[in-house]
Amino acid sequence: MIKDTILKPEPDVQADADPMDPMGDSARAREARFRKLSNYCYRSPLIWLTVHGGPEITRIARYFLGDDLVLKFNSCFLKPARTGSATPWHQDNGLWRDGDSEAFNFWMALDPATRANGCLQMMPGSHKGEIIPHVLYPDSIHAELPRRLTDGCEERVHHIELEPGDIICWHSSMWHYSPPNPSDRGRIAIAGVYTTPRILSANRKIFFRNLLWVMKNGELCSQFPPEPYPIGDGEVEHPGQWPRAEERQTEPEAS
């Protein structure tokens, strides 16, 4: 279903273009043109009712967050064969800048994720430190950890190789990265982040506005389309522009 969407000449998706995208008009080129489909999953009943709003993942999220769950982020991550670019080292809550240090993150493989095709890499123990201010470099695809903190870290990382249907869950402060995909085999994954009304009410800055109810008082919200979680325009503010790396006089030390 995801491939059917991205193969259309004019797909109705909010998509991040891959910087290595060949932008041709063949089926192979269309398949290679996107690195992420943002806010796509809640528009599909198949994905919503079996993944983000399904009992398997929400049961785990409930263990950590309690009986009221709100989905703050949903996406399909695409890493096409030969053209899929790297996702830089980052902390998810370093990108959000909303003060949420308790969110529950998951990433589910739909294709095999291997070292050869750019599987996720995690930095063990990095979730125990602080949320580090992220910056933009001239070649950044999005804000990232200061590079001097991640240079030379290859020997310490864990490579998260997964089979279709396998899921990795992690703390939102965990440092992670995925390299380019030079192989002949692309991969697609579904991701999401849960939070709670308590966390949302404690934070004035909101990075994501398309929040959706998943569970209320321990009961799954089974309707489709999912129910929006209300946010008043006068109650929140956006975190603002990203600082550029060359504009920062000093960079923070790793915790």
C-alpha atoms as a PDB file:
ATOM      1  CA  MET A   1       0.000   0.000   0.000  1.00  0.00           C
ATOM      2  CA  ILE A   2       2.830   2.416   0.808  1.00  0.00           C
ATOM      3  CA  LYS A   3       4.618   1.569  -2.430  1.00  0.00           C
ATOM      4  CA  ASP A   4       1.380   2.033  -4.361  1.00  0.00           C
ATOM      5  CA  THR A   5       1.176   5.550  -2.923  1.00  0.00           C
ATOM      6  CA  ILE A   6       4.714   6.621  -3.739  1.00  0.00           C
ATOM      7  CA  LEU A   7       4.606   5.182  -7.276  1.00  0.00           C
ATOM      8  CA  LYS A   8       1.789   7.518  -8.276  1.00  0.00           C
ATOM      9  CA  PRO A   9       2.847  10.457 -10.470  1.00  0.00           C
ATOM     10  CA  GLU A  10       1.355  12.955  -7.978  1.00  0.00           C
ATOM     11  CA  PRO A  11       0.991  11.200  -4.619  1.00  0.00           C
ATOM     12  CA  ASP A  12      -1.233  12.915  -2.076  1.00  0.00           C
ATOM     13  CA  VAL A  13       1.285  12.799   0.767  1.00  0.00           C
ATOM     14  CA  GLN A  14       3.314  15.134   2.940  1.00  0.00           C
ATOM     15  CA  ALA A  15       6.713  13.830   1.938  1.00  0.00           C
ATOM     16  CA  ASP A  16      10.331  14.757   2.555  1.00  0.00           C
ATOM     17  CA  ALA A  17      12.317  14.497  -0.657  1.00  0.00           C
ATOM     18  CA  ASP A  18      15.515  12.493  -0.485  1.00  0.00           C
ATOM     19  CA  PRO A  19      18.493  14.729  -1.341  1.00  0.00           C
ATOM     20  CA  MET A  20      19.929  11.909  -3.481  1.00  0.00           C
ATOM     21  CA  ASP A  21      16.659  11.437  -5.378  1.00  0.00           C
ATOM     22  CA  PRO A  22      17.209  11.041  -9.139  1.00  0.00           C
ATOM     23  CA  MET A  23      13.765  12.607  -9.782  1.00  0.00           C
ATOM     24  CA  GLY A  24      13.138  10.583 -12.923  1.00  0.00           C
ATOM     25  CA  ASP A  25       9.727   9.490 -14.168  1.00  0.00           C
ATOM     26  CA  SER A  26      10.266   5.734 -14.226  1.00  0.00           C
ATOM     27  CA  ALA A  27       8.718   3.461 -11.589  1.00  0.00           C
ATOM     28  CA  ARG A  28      12.157   2.888 -10.041  1.00  0.00           C
ATOM     29  CA  ALA A  29      12.850   6.623  -9.875  1.00  0.00           C
ATOM     30  CA  ARG A  30       9.453   7.313  -8.295  1.00  0.00           C
ATOM     31  CA  GLU A  31      10.135   4.693  -5.673  1.00  0.00           C
ATOM     32  CA  ALA A  32      13.419   6.429  -4.848  1.00  0.00           C
ATOM     33  CA  ARG A  33      12.188   9.995  -4.498  1.00  0.00           C
ATOM     34  CA  PHE A  34      11.014  10.133  -0.869  1.00  0.00           C
ATOM     35  CA  ARG A  35      12.783   9.537   2.436  1.00  0.00           C
ATOM     36  CA  LYS A  36       9.763  10.043   4.698  1.00  0.00           C
ATOM     37  CA  LEU A  37       5.970  10.228   4.501  1.00  0.00           C
ATOM     38  CA  SER A  38       4.919  12.402   7.439  1.00  0.00           C
ATOM     39  CA  ASN A  39       1.453  12.094   8.994  1.00  0.00           C
ATOM     40  CA  TYR A  40       0.616   9.356   6.516  1.00  0.00           C
ATOM     41  CA  CYS A  41      -0.230   6.497   8.847  1.00  0.00           C
ATOM     42  CA  TYR A  42      -3.370   7.900  10.464  1.00  0.00           C
ATOM     43  CA  ARG A  43      -4.907   8.321   6.991  1.00  0.00           C
ATOM     44  CA  SER A  44      -4.822   4.563   6.388  1.00  0.00           C
ATOM     45  CA  PRO A  45      -7.218   2.379   8.395  1.00  0.00           C
ATOM     46  CA  LEU A  46      -4.977  -0.644   7.792  1.00  0.00           C
ATOM     47  CA  ILE A  47      -1.952   1.056   9.372  1.00  0.00           C
ATOM     48  CA  TRP A  48      -3.845   2.905  12.075  1.00  0.00           C
ATOM     49  CA  LEU A  49      -5.954   0.025  13.384  1.00  0.00           C
ATOM     50  CA  THR A  50      -3.195  -2.605  13.265  1.00  0.00           C
ATOM     51  CA  VAL A  51      -0.151  -0.524  14.231  1.00  0.00           C
ATOM     52  CA  HIS A  52      -0.493   2.882  15.924  1.00  0.00           C
ATOM     53  CA  GLY A  53      -3.946   2.175  17.343  1.00  0.00           C
ATOM     54  CA  GLY A  54      -3.527  -1.587  17.563  1.00  0.00           C
ATOM     55  CA  PRO A  55      -3.344  -3.624  20.783  1.00  0.00           C
ATOM     56  CA  GLU A  56       0.212  -4.967  20.434  1.00  0.00           C
ATOM     57  CA  ILE A  57       2.201  -1.732  20.460  1.00  0.00           C
ATOM     58  CA  THR A  58      -0.195   0.257  22.649  1.00  0.00           C
ATOM     59  CA  ARG A  59      -0.016  -2.459  25.314  1.00  0.00           C
ATOM     60  CA  ILE A  60       3.720  -1.809  25.617  1.00  0.00           C
ATOM     61  CA  ALA A  61       3.322   1.977  25.523  1.00  0.00           C
ATOM     62  CA  ARG A  62       0.652   1.798  28.216  1.00  0.00           C
ATOM     63  CA  TYR A  63       3.070  -0.040  30.522  1.00  0.00           C
ATOM     64  CA  PHE A  64       5.407   2.953  30.392  1.00  0.00           C
ATOM     65  CA  LEU A  65       3.000   5.886  30.044  1.00  0.00           C
ATOM     66  CA  GLY A  66      -0.270   4.869  31.676  1.00  0.00           C
ATOM     67  CA  ASP A  67      -3.891   4.581  30.583  1.00  0.00           C
ATOM     68  CA  ASP A  68      -4.168   7.726  28.432  1.00  0.00           C
ATOM     69  CA  LEU A  69      -2.149   7.757  25.211  1.00  0.00           C
ATOM     70  CA  VAL A  70      -1.825  10.421  22.533  1.00  0.00           C
ATOM     71  CA  LEU A  71       0.046   9.902  19.271  1.00  0.00           C
ATOM     72  CA  LYS A  72       2.328  12.895  18.660  1.00  0.00           C
ATOM     73  CA  PHE A  73       4.209  11.620  15.589  1.00  0.00           C
ATOM     74  CA  ASN A  74       3.596   9.083  12.839  1.00  0.00           C
ATOM     75  CA  SER A  75       5.593   8.430   9.709  1.00  0.00           C
ATOM     76  CA  CYS A  76       6.757   5.965   7.097  1.00  0.00           C
ATOM     77  CA  PHE A  77      10.527   5.968   6.698  1.00  0.00           C
ATOM     78  CA  LEU A  78      11.838   5.020   3.264  1.00  0.00           C
ATOM     79  CA  LYS A  79      15.429   4.223   2.388  1.00  0.00           C
ATOM     80  CA  PRO A  80      15.441   3.382  -1.327  1.00  0.00           C
ATOM     81  CA  ALA A  81      18.024   1.083  -2.870  1.00  0.00           C
ATOM     82  CA  ARG A  82      21.214   2.877  -3.925  1.00  0.00           C
ATOM     83  CA  THR A  83      19.827   6.379  -3.297  1.00  0.00           C
ATOM     84  CA  GLY A  84      18.583   6.319   0.307  1.00  0.00           C
ATOM     85  CA  SER A  85      20.475   8.992   2.211  1.00  0.00           C
ATOM     86  CA  ALA A  86      21.718   9.079   5.798  1.00  0.00           C
ATOM     87  CA  THR A  87      19.666  10.334   8.718  1.00  0.00           C
ATOM     88  CA  PRO A  88      22.087  12.255  10.969  1.00  0.00           C
ATOM     89  CA  TRP A  89      22.808  11.558  14.636  1.00  0.00           C
ATOM     90  CA  HIS A  90      20.056  13.031  16.777  1.00  0.00           C
ATOM     91  CA  GLN A  91      17.868  12.697  19.851  1.00  0.00           C
ATOM     92  CA  ASP A  92      14.175  12.706  19.034  1.00  0.00           C
ATOM     93  CA  ASN A  93      13.339  15.069  21.878  1.00  0.00           C
ATOM     94  CA  GLY A  94      16.271  17.199  20.747  1.00  0.00           C
ATOM     95  CA  LEU A  95      14.370  17.706  17.499  1.00  0.00           C
ATOM     96  CA  TRP A  96      11.018  18.338  19.185  1.00  0.00           C
ATOM     97  CA  ARG A  97      12.265  20.981  21.645  1.00  0.00           C
ATOM     98  CA  ASP A  98       9.072  20.679  23.649  1.00  0.00           C
ATOM     99  CA  GLY A  99      10.527  19.431  26.938  1.00  0.00           C
ATOM    100  CA  ASP A 100       9.075  15.938  26.564  1.00  0.00           C
ATOM    101  CA  SER A 101      11.591  13.519  28.053  1.00  0.00           C
ATOM    102  CA  GLU A 102       9.153  10.642  28.649  1.00  0.00           C
ATOM    103  CA  ALA A 103       7.766   9.892  25.188  1.00  0.00           C
ATOM    104  CA  PHE A 104       7.611   6.319  23.887  1.00  0.00           C
ATOM    105  CA  ASN A 105       9.157   5.769  20.444  1.00  0.00           C
ATOM    106  CA  PHE A 106       8.801   2.774  18.161  1.00  0.00           C
ATOM    107  CA  TRP A 107      10.061   1.788  14.688  1.00  0.00           C
ATOM    108  CA  MET A 108       8.713  -1.296  12.876  1.00  0.00           C
ATOM    109  CA  ALA A 109      10.466  -2.898   9.907  1.00  0.00           C
ATOM    110  CA  LEU A 110       8.350  -3.834   6.891  1.00  0.00           C
ATOM    111  CA  ASP A 111      11.420  -4.983   4.968  1.00  0.00           C
ATOM    112  CA  PRO A 112      14.611  -6.506   6.368  1.00  0.00           C
ATOM    113  CA  ALA A 113      16.753  -3.767   7.936  1.00  0.00           C
ATOM    114  CA  THR A 114      20.410  -4.752   7.721  1.00  0.00           C
ATOM    115  CA  ARG A 115      23.840  -3.180   7.942  1.00  0.00           C
ATOM    116  CA  ALA A 116      24.002  -3.405   4.153  1.00  0.00           C
ATOM    117  CA  ASN A 117      20.893  -1.263   3.574  1.00  0.00           C
ATOM    118  CA  GLY A 118      21.358   1.275   6.354  1.00  0.00           C
ATOM    119  CA  CYS A 119      19.768  -0.092   9.520  1.00  0.00           C
ATOM    120  CA  LEU A 120      19.373   2.078  12.613  1.00  0.00           C
ATOM    121  CA  GLN A 121      22.353   2.564  14.909  1.00  0.00           C
ATOM    122  CA  MET A 122      21.900   3.312  18.610  1.00  0.00           C
ATOM    123  CA  MET A 123      24.408   4.705  21.113  1.00  0.00           C
ATOM    124  CA  PRO A 124      24.145   2.614  24.314  1.00  0.00           C
ATOM    125  CA  GLY A 125      23.555   4.639  27.474  1.00  0.00           C
ATOM    126  CA  SER A 126      23.121   7.944  25.673  1.00  0.00           C
ATOM    127  CA  HIS A 127      19.528   8.267  26.942  1.00  0.00           C
ATOM    128  CA  LYS A 128      20.882   8.834  30.463  1.00  0.00           C
ATOM    129  CA  GLY A 129      22.324  12.230  29.564  1.00  0.00           C
ATOM    130  CA  GLU A 130      20.749  15.591  28.921  1.00  0.00           C
ATOM    131  CA  ILE A 131      18.811  16.743  25.888  1.00  0.00           C
ATOM    132  CA  ILE A 132      21.545  18.400  23.810  1.00  0.00           C
ATOM    133  CA  PRO A 133      20.714  21.476  21.688  1.00  0.00           C
ATOM    134  CA  HIS A 134      20.654  20.426  18.035  1.00  0.00           C
ATOM    135  CA  VAL A 135      22.025  22.523  15.182  1.00  0.00           C
ATOM    136  CA  LEU A 136      21.883  22.815  11.407  1.00  0.00           C
ATOM    137  CA  TYR A 137      24.939  22.420   9.204  1.00  0.00           C
ATOM    138  CA  PRO A 138      25.022  23.620   5.586  1.00  0.00           C
ATOM    139  CA  ASP A 139      24.506  20.029   4.406  1.00  0.00           C
ATOM    140  CA  SER A 140      22.015  18.939   7.115  1.00  0.00           C
ATOM    141  CA  ILE A 141      18.772  17.315   6.044  1.00  0.00           C
ATOM    142  CA  HIS A 142      17.402  18.281   9.472  1.00  0.00           C
ATOM    143  CA  ALA A 143      18.802  19.467  12.797  1.00  0.00           C
ATOM    144  CA  GLU A 144      21.305  17.117  14.379  1.00  0.00           C
ATOM    145  CA  LEU A 145      23.634  16.623  17.318  1.00  0.00           C
ATOM    146  CA  PRO A 146      26.836  18.689  17.125  1.00  0.00           C
ATOM    147  CA  ARG A 147      29.131  16.572  14.983  1.00  0.00           C
ATOM    148  CA  ARG A 148      32.146  16.831  17.226  1.00  0.00           C
ATOM    149  CA  LEU A 149      30.166  14.805  19.792  1.00  0.00           C
ATOM    150  CA  THR A 150      29.557  11.931  17.378  1.00  0.00           C
ATOM    151  CA  ASP A 151      32.825  11.878  15.416  1.00  0.00           C
ATOM    152  CA  GLY A 152      34.603   8.572  15.913  1.00  0.00           C
ATOM    153  CA  CYS A 153      31.702   6.853  17.686  1.00  0.00           C
ATOM    154  CA  GLU A 154      31.454   3.946  15.213  1.00  0.00           C
ATOM    155  CA  GLU A 155      33.051   1.440  17.594  1.00  0.00           C
ATOM    156  CA  ARG A 156      30.483   2.070  20.326  1.00  0.00           C
ATOM    157  CA  VAL A 157      27.203   1.798  18.422  1.00  0.00           C
ATOM    158  CA  HIS A 158      24.704  -1.054  18.294  1.00  0.00           C
ATOM    159  CA  HIS A 159      23.439  -1.962  14.810  1.00  0.00           C
ATOM    160  CA  ILE A 160      19.706  -2.668  14.959  1.00  0.00           C
ATOM    161  CA  GLU A 161      19.155  -5.354  12.332  1.00  0.00           C
ATOM    162  CA  LEU A 162      15.486  -6.315  12.080  1.00  0.00           C
ATOM    163  CA  GLU A 163      13.280  -8.731  10.152  1.00  0.00           C
ATOM    164  CA  PRO A 164       9.860  -7.692   8.790  1.00  0.00           C
ATOM    165  CA  GLY A 165       7.483  -7.213  11.713  1.00  0.00           C
ATOM    166  CA  ASP A 166      10.252  -6.692  14.269  1.00  0.00           C
ATOM    167  CA  ILE A 167       9.918  -3.563  16.397  1.00  0.00           C
ATOM    168  CA  ILE A 168      12.451  -1.511  18.308  1.00  0.00           C
ATOM    169  CA  CYS A 169      11.279   0.808  21.109  1.00  0.00           C
ATOM    170  CA  TRP A 170      13.505   3.418  22.718  1.00  0.00           C
ATOM    171  CA  HIS A 171      13.727   6.359  25.084  1.00  0.00           C
ATOM    172  CA  SER A 172      13.327   9.695  23.313  1.00  0.00           C
ATOM    173  CA  SER A 173      16.754  10.904  24.515  1.00  0.00           C
ATOM    174  CA  MET A 174      18.625   8.003  22.864  1.00  0.00           C
ATOM    175  CA  TRP A 175      21.206   9.065  20.278  1.00  0.00           C
ATOM    176  CA  HIS A 176      20.558   7.302  16.970  1.00  0.00           C
ATOM    177  CA  TYR A 177      21.472   7.438  13.309  1.00  0.00           C
ATOM    178  CA  SER A 178      21.075   5.549  10.052  1.00  0.00           C
ATOM    179  CA  PRO A 179      23.672   5.543   7.256  1.00  0.00           C
ATOM    180  CA  PRO A 180      23.026   5.741   3.501  1.00  0.00           C
ATOM    181  CA  ASN A 181      21.776   2.718   1.592  1.00  0.00           C
ATOM    182  CA  PRO A 182      24.262   1.789  -1.161  1.00  0.00           C
ATOM    183  CA  SER A 183      22.752  -1.695  -1.563  1.00  0.00           C
ATOM    184  CA  ASP A 184      20.336  -3.023  -4.162  1.00  0.00           C
ATOM    185  CA  ARG A 185      17.640  -3.566  -1.535  1.00  0.00           C
ATOM    186  CA  GLY A 186      15.505  -0.739  -0.197  1.00  0.00           C
ATOM    187  CA  ARG A 187      13.638  -0.765   3.066  1.00  0.00           C
ATOM    188  CA  ILE A 188      10.430   0.722   4.433  1.00  0.00           C
ATOM    189  CA  ALA A 189       9.469   1.131   8.086  1.00  0.00           C
ATOM    190  CA  ILE A 190       6.563   2.534  10.097  1.00  0.00           C
ATOM    191  CA  ALA A 191       7.281   4.717  13.128  1.00  0.00           C
ATOM    192  CA  GLY A 192       5.359   6.470  15.857  1.00  0.00           C
ATOM    193  CA  VAL A 193       5.688   8.336  19.141  1.00  0.00           C
ATOM    194  CA  TYR A 194       3.224   8.250  22.039  1.00  0.00           C
ATOM    195  CA  THR A 195       2.869  10.790  24.812  1.00  0.00           C
ATOM    196  CA  THR A 196       0.199  11.601  27.420  1.00  0.00           C
ATOM    197  CA  PRO A 197      -2.190  14.474  28.203  1.00  0.00           C
ATOM    198  CA  ARG A 198      -0.254  15.061  31.424  1.00  0.00           C
ATOM    199  CA  ILE A 199       2.989  15.608  29.534  1.00  0.00           C
ATOM    200  CA  LEU A 200       1.304  17.777  26.921  1.00  0.00           C
ATOM    201  CA  SER A 201      -0.358  19.987  29.516  1.00  0.00           C
ATOM    202  CA  ALA A 202       2.990  20.599  31.208  1.00  0.00           C
ATOM    203  CA  ASN A 203       4.640  21.919  28.035  1.00  0.00           C
ATOM    204  CA  ARG A 204       3.789  25.197  26.361  1.00  0.00           C
ATOM    205  CA  LYS A 205       5.977  24.611  23.312  1.00  0.00           C
ATOM    206  CA  ILE A 206       4.477  22.220  20.776  1.00  0.00           C
ATOM    207  CA  PHE A 207       6.485  20.949  17.833  1.00  0.00           C
ATOM    208  CA  PHE A 208       3.721  18.651  16.495  1.00  0.00           C
ATOM    209  CA  ARG A 209       0.181  19.918  16.139  1.00  0.00           C
ATOM    210  CA  ASN A 210      -1.471  16.876  14.592  1.00  0.00           C
ATOM    211  CA  LEU A 211      -2.028  15.025  17.879  1.00  0.00           C
ATOM    212  CA  LEU A 212      -4.414  12.049  17.984  1.00  0.00           C
ATOM    213  CA  TRP A 213      -6.111  10.121  20.760  1.00  0.00           C
ATOM    214  CA  VAL A 214      -5.067   6.459  20.941  1.00  0.00           C
ATOM    215  CA  MET A 215      -6.269   5.362  24.387  1.00  0.00           C
ATOM    216  CA  LYS A 216      -8.559   6.859  27.038  1.00  0.00           C
ATOM    217  CA  ASN A 217      -8.788   5.398  30.543  1.00  0.00           C
ATOM    218  CA  GLY A 218      -7.206   2.175  29.354  1.00  0.00           C
ATOM    219  CA  GLU A 219      -9.597   1.697  26.432  1.00  0.00           C
ATOM    220  CA  LEU A 220      -8.355   1.811  22.849  1.00  0.00           C
ATOM    221  CA  CYS A 221      -9.938   4.483  20.671  1.00  0.00           C
ATOM    222  CA  SER A 222     -11.063   2.207  17.845  1.00  0.00           C
ATOM    223  CA  GLN A 223     -12.810   4.726  15.597  1.00  0.00           C
ATOM    224  CA  PHE A 224     -11.442   5.745  12.216  1.00  0.00           C
ATOM    225  CA  PRO A 225     -10.477   8.418  11.348  1.00  0.00           C
ATOM    226  CA  PRO A 226      -8.897   8.812  14.788  1.00  0.00           C
ATOM    227  CA  GLU A 227     -10.085  11.541  17.142  1.00  0.00           C
ATOM    228  CA  PRO A 228      -7.871  14.655  17.238  1.00  0.00           C
ATOM    229  CA  TYR A 229      -6.414  15.706  20.563  1.00  0.00           C
ATOM    230  CA  PRO A 230      -7.415  19.373  20.935  1.00  0.00           C
ATOM    231  CA  ILE A 231      -4.788  22.103  21.186  1.00  0.00           C
ATOM    232  CA  GLY A 232      -5.890  25.725  21.490  1.00  0.00           C
ATOM    233  CA  ASP A 233      -3.937  28.158  19.333  1.00  0.00           C
ATOM    234  CA  GLY A 234      -3.577  30.553  22.239  1.00  0.00           C
ATOM    235  CA  GLU A 235      -2.186  27.899  24.559  1.00  0.00           C
ATOM    236  CA  VAL A 236       1.031  26.879  22.775  1.00  0.00           C
ATOM    237  CA  GLU A 237       3.985  28.289  20.918  1.00  0.00           C
ATOM    238  CA  HIS A 238       6.366  26.873  18.313  1.00  0.00           C
ATOM    239  CA  PRO A 239       9.985  26.389  19.464  1.00  0.00           C
ATOM    240  CA  GLY A 240      11.291  28.689  16.716  1.00  0.00           C
ATOM    241  CA  GLN A 241      14.080  28.484  14.162  1.00  0.00           C
ATOM    242  CA  TRP A 242      17.020  26.106  14.448  1.00  0.00           C
ATOM    243  CA  PRO A 243      20.428  27.606  15.265  1.00  0.00           C
ATOM    244  CA  ARG A 244      23.048  27.073  12.588  1.00  0.00           C
ATOM    245  CA  ALA A 245      26.218  25.320  13.636  1.00  0.00           C
ATOM    246  CA  GLU A 246      28.489  28.121  12.456  1.00  0.00           C
ATOM    247  CA  GLU A 247      26.521  30.650  14.521  1.00  0.00           C
ATOM    248  CA  ARG A 248      27.138  28.876  17.832  1.00  0.00           C
ATOM    249  CA  GLN A 249      30.208  30.117  19.696  1.00  0.00           C
ATOM    250  CA  THR A 250      30.549  26.958  21.762  1.00  0.00           C
ATOM    251  CA  GLU A 251      28.996  23.522  21.526  1.00  0.00           C
ATOM    252  CA  PRO A 252      27.816  21.584  24.598  1.00  0.00           C
ATOM    253  CA  GLU A 253      29.911  18.845  26.106  1.00  0.00           C
ATOM    254  CA  ALA A 254      28.515  15.311  25.966  1.00  0.00           C
ATOM    255  CA  SER A 255      26.973  14.232  29.241  1.00  0.00           C
END
